[in-house]
Amino acid sequence: MKRIHAIVLMAALAIGASAKDIRTMVVTTTPKMTCQNCEKKIKTNIRFVKGTKAITTELAEQRVVITFDADKAKVEDYVKAFGKIGYKVDIVEQPQAATEQADATSGATTPRK
């Protein structure tokens, strides 16, 4: 009986721990990224912001896409981190939850009641 209670408790904790607030935001930088070294500088330094999950730089579009855990990092943390390496950021797309982003790209809409 104790074993069943322990298993149920561990399962409940695992489910609760997996519910993270993962968000994605898109920014542009000033000065502009002009080469692979700029991309490398951004990726190498911004990844140290606690909660960062992924960073994608798009040199041609002059965009940086950042996926992060909103429970651990805030937009201000990224603005500050970019400032430390000599960049000012403009937010092109506000942070969206992963499900919101999937709905936006698929064209899905929420039914009205």
C-alpha atoms as a PDB file:
ATOM      1  CA  MET A   1       0.000   0.000   0.000  1.00  0.00           C
ATOM      2  CA  LYS A   2       2.807   2.429   0.857  1.00  0.00           C
ATOM      3  CA  ARG A   3       4.430   1.571  -2.450  1.00  0.00           C
ATOM      4  CA  ILE A   4       1.297   2.579  -4.393  1.00  0.00           C
ATOM      5  CA  HIS A   5       1.092   5.889  -2.520  1.00  0.00           C
ATOM      6  CA  ALA A   6       4.759   6.589  -3.286  1.00  0.00           C
ATOM      7  CA  ILE A   7       4.259   5.851  -6.993  1.00  0.00           C
ATOM      8  CA  VAL A   8       1.169   8.066  -7.183  1.00  0.00           C
ATOM      9  CA  LEU A   9       2.998  10.881  -5.391  1.00  0.00           C
ATOM     10  CA  MET A  10       6.008  10.628  -7.720  1.00  0.00           C
ATOM     11  CA  ALA A  11       3.726  10.656 -10.782  1.00  0.00           C
ATOM     12  CA  ALA A  12       1.910  13.748  -9.508  1.00  0.00           C
ATOM     13  CA  LEU A  13       5.195  15.544  -8.890  1.00  0.00           C
ATOM     14  CA  ALA A  14       6.466  14.628 -12.357  1.00  0.00           C
ATOM     15  CA  ILE A  15       3.328  15.979 -14.018  1.00  0.00           C
ATOM     16  CA  GLY A  16       3.485  19.227 -12.020  1.00  0.00           C
ATOM     17  CA  ALA A  17       7.173  19.713 -12.763  1.00  0.00           C
ATOM     18  CA  SER A  18       6.693  19.306 -16.508  1.00  0.00           C
ATOM     19  CA  ALA A  19       4.187  22.171 -16.799  1.00  0.00           C
ATOM     20  CA  LYS A  20       6.544  24.954 -17.851  1.00  0.00           C
ATOM     21  CA  ASP A  21       5.704  28.331 -19.348  1.00  0.00           C
ATOM     22  CA  ILE A  22       7.846  28.122 -22.506  1.00  0.00           C
ATOM     23  CA  ARG A  23       7.686  31.276 -24.618  1.00  0.00           C
ATOM     24  CA  THR A  24       9.216  32.496 -27.870  1.00  0.00           C
ATOM     25  CA  MET A  25      10.015  36.101 -28.775  1.00  0.00           C
ATOM     26  CA  VAL A  26      11.566  37.725 -31.822  1.00  0.00           C
ATOM     27  CA  VAL A  27      13.888  40.740 -31.633  1.00  0.00           C
ATOM     28  CA  THR A  28      16.029  42.860 -33.934  1.00  0.00           C
ATOM     29  CA  THR A  29      19.309  44.411 -32.859  1.00  0.00           C
ATOM     30  CA  THR A  30      20.991  47.782 -33.133  1.00  0.00           C
ATOM     31  CA  PRO A  31      23.666  47.778 -34.452  1.00  0.00           C
ATOM     32  CA  LYS A  32      22.589  45.284 -37.086  1.00  0.00           C
ATOM     33  CA  MET A  33      24.165  41.840 -37.332  1.00  0.00           C
ATOM     34  CA  THR A  34      26.526  41.975 -40.299  1.00  0.00           C
ATOM     35  CA  CYS A  35      28.382  38.646 -40.220  1.00  0.00           C
ATOM     36  CA  GLN A  36      28.655  35.223 -38.669  1.00  0.00           C
ATOM     37  CA  ASN A  37      30.805  36.672 -35.880  1.00  0.00           C
ATOM     38  CA  CYS A  38      27.884  38.889 -34.824  1.00  0.00           C
ATOM     39  CA  GLU A  39      25.607  35.851 -34.746  1.00  0.00           C
ATOM     40  CA  LYS A  40      28.176  33.880 -32.775  1.00  0.00           C
ATOM     41  CA  LYS A  41      28.628  36.711 -30.258  1.00  0.00           C
ATOM     42  CA  ILE A  42      24.878  36.867 -29.654  1.00  0.00           C
ATOM     43  CA  LYS A  43      24.377  33.096 -29.406  1.00  0.00           C
ATOM     44  CA  THR A  44      27.426  32.609 -27.186  1.00  0.00           C
ATOM     45  CA  ASN A  45      26.465  35.296 -24.680  1.00  0.00           C
ATOM     46  CA  ILE A  46      22.670  35.289 -24.613  1.00  0.00           C
ATOM     47  CA  ARG A  47      22.512  31.547 -23.924  1.00  0.00           C
ATOM     48  CA  PHE A  48      23.721  32.299 -20.386  1.00  0.00           C
ATOM     49  CA  VAL A  49      20.457  34.025 -19.451  1.00  0.00           C
ATOM     50  CA  LYS A  50      18.864  31.586 -17.019  1.00  0.00           C
ATOM     51  CA  GLY A  51      15.884  29.839 -18.615  1.00  0.00           C
ATOM     52  CA  THR A  52      17.063  30.142 -22.217  1.00  0.00           C
ATOM     53  CA  LYS A  53      16.034  27.073 -24.219  1.00  0.00           C
ATOM     54  CA  ALA A  54      17.058  28.022 -27.791  1.00  0.00           C
ATOM     55  CA  ILE A  55      18.461  30.945 -29.777  1.00  0.00           C
ATOM     56  CA  THR A  56      18.207  31.204 -33.551  1.00  0.00           C
ATOM     57  CA  THR A  57      19.771  34.059 -35.471  1.00  0.00           C
ATOM     58  CA  GLU A  58      18.578  34.988 -38.958  1.00  0.00           C
ATOM     59  CA  LEU A  59      21.238  37.175 -40.536  1.00  0.00           C
ATOM     60  CA  ALA A  60      19.307  37.853 -43.758  1.00  0.00           C
ATOM     61  CA  GLU A  61      16.149  38.914 -41.884  1.00  0.00           C
ATOM     62  CA  GLN A  62      18.118  40.621 -39.086  1.00  0.00           C
ATOM     63  CA  ARG A  63      16.138  38.733 -36.448  1.00  0.00           C
ATOM     64  CA  VAL A  64      16.945  36.797 -33.303  1.00  0.00           C
ATOM     65  CA  VAL A  65      14.400  34.206 -32.141  1.00  0.00           C
ATOM     66  CA  ILE A  66      14.666  33.277 -28.464  1.00  0.00           C
ATOM     67  CA  THR A  67      12.783  30.431 -26.784  1.00  0.00           C
ATOM     68  CA  PHE A  68      12.819  30.620 -22.987  1.00  0.00           C
ATOM     69  CA  ASP A  69      11.158  29.482 -19.787  1.00  0.00           C
ATOM     70  CA  ALA A  70       9.102  32.471 -18.628  1.00  0.00           C
ATOM     71  CA  ASP A  71       9.186  31.168 -15.063  1.00  0.00           C
ATOM     72  CA  LYS A  72      12.962  31.680 -15.024  1.00  0.00           C
ATOM     73  CA  ALA A  73      13.590  34.598 -17.419  1.00  0.00           C
ATOM     74  CA  LYS A  74      11.840  37.829 -18.329  1.00  0.00           C
ATOM     75  CA  VAL A  75      12.102  40.078 -21.372  1.00  0.00           C
ATOM     76  CA  GLU A  76      14.061  42.577 -19.269  1.00  0.00           C
ATOM     77  CA  ASP A  77      16.723  39.921 -18.627  1.00  0.00           C
ATOM     78  CA  TYR A  78      17.333  39.636 -22.367  1.00  0.00           C
ATOM     79  CA  VAL A  79      17.348  43.408 -22.912  1.00  0.00           C
ATOM     80  CA  LYS A  80      19.995  43.694 -20.179  1.00  0.00           C
ATOM     81  CA  ALA A  81      22.054  40.780 -21.588  1.00  0.00           C
ATOM     82  CA  PHE A  82      22.059  42.278 -25.092  1.00  0.00           C
ATOM     83  CA  GLY A  83      23.101  45.629 -23.592  1.00  0.00           C
ATOM     84  CA  LYS A  84      26.123  43.998 -21.934  1.00  0.00           C
ATOM     85  CA  ILE A  85      27.448  42.902 -25.334  1.00  0.00           C
ATOM     86  CA  GLY A  86      26.784  46.250 -27.015  1.00  0.00           C
ATOM     87  CA  TYR A  87      23.372  45.734 -28.616  1.00  0.00           C
ATOM     88  CA  LYS A  88      20.032  47.455 -28.185  1.00  0.00           C
ATOM     89  CA  VAL A  89      17.024  45.253 -28.973  1.00  0.00           C
ATOM     90  CA  ASP A  90      13.630  46.042 -30.428  1.00  0.00           C
ATOM     91  CA  ILE A  91      10.940  43.453 -29.827  1.00  0.00           C
ATOM     92  CA  VAL A  92       9.345  42.442 -33.127  1.00  0.00           C
ATOM     93  CA  GLU A  93       7.057  39.772 -31.666  1.00  0.00           C
ATOM     94  CA  GLN A  94       6.091  39.790 -28.002  1.00  0.00           C
ATOM     95  CA  PRO A  95       6.722  36.557 -26.107  1.00  0.00           C
ATOM     96  CA  GLN A  96       4.079  33.969 -26.946  1.00  0.00           C
ATOM     97  CA  ALA A  97       3.415  30.663 -25.269  1.00  0.00           C
ATOM     98  CA  ALA A  98       4.295  27.636 -27.380  1.00  0.00           C
ATOM     99  CA  THR A  99       0.597  26.767 -27.870  1.00  0.00           C
ATOM    100  CA  GLU A 100      -0.265  30.348 -28.874  1.00  0.00           C
ATOM    101  CA  GLN A 101       2.540  30.347 -31.413  1.00  0.00           C
ATOM    102  CA  ALA A 102       1.418  27.006 -32.892  1.00  0.00           C
ATOM    103  CA  ASP A 103      -2.144  28.333 -33.236  1.00  0.00           C
ATOM    104  CA  ALA A 104      -0.905  31.550 -34.871  1.00  0.00           C
ATOM    105  CA  THR A 105       1.187  29.707 -37.454  1.00  0.00           C
ATOM    106  CA  SER A 106      -1.469  27.096 -38.236  1.00  0.00           C
ATOM    107  CA  GLY A 107      -4.212  29.690 -38.651  1.00  0.00           C
ATOM    108  CA  ALA A 108      -6.305  28.028 -35.955  1.00  0.00           C
ATOM    109  CA  THR A 109      -8.868  30.122 -34.191  1.00  0.00           C
ATOM    110  CA  THR A 110     -10.602  29.674 -30.885  1.00  0.00           C
ATOM    111  CA  PRO A 111     -14.348  29.176 -31.148  1.00  0.00           C
ATOM    112  CA  ARG A 112     -16.522  31.905 -29.662  1.00  0.00           C
ATOM    113  CA  LYS A 113     -19.188  31.050 -27.140  1.00  0.00           C
END
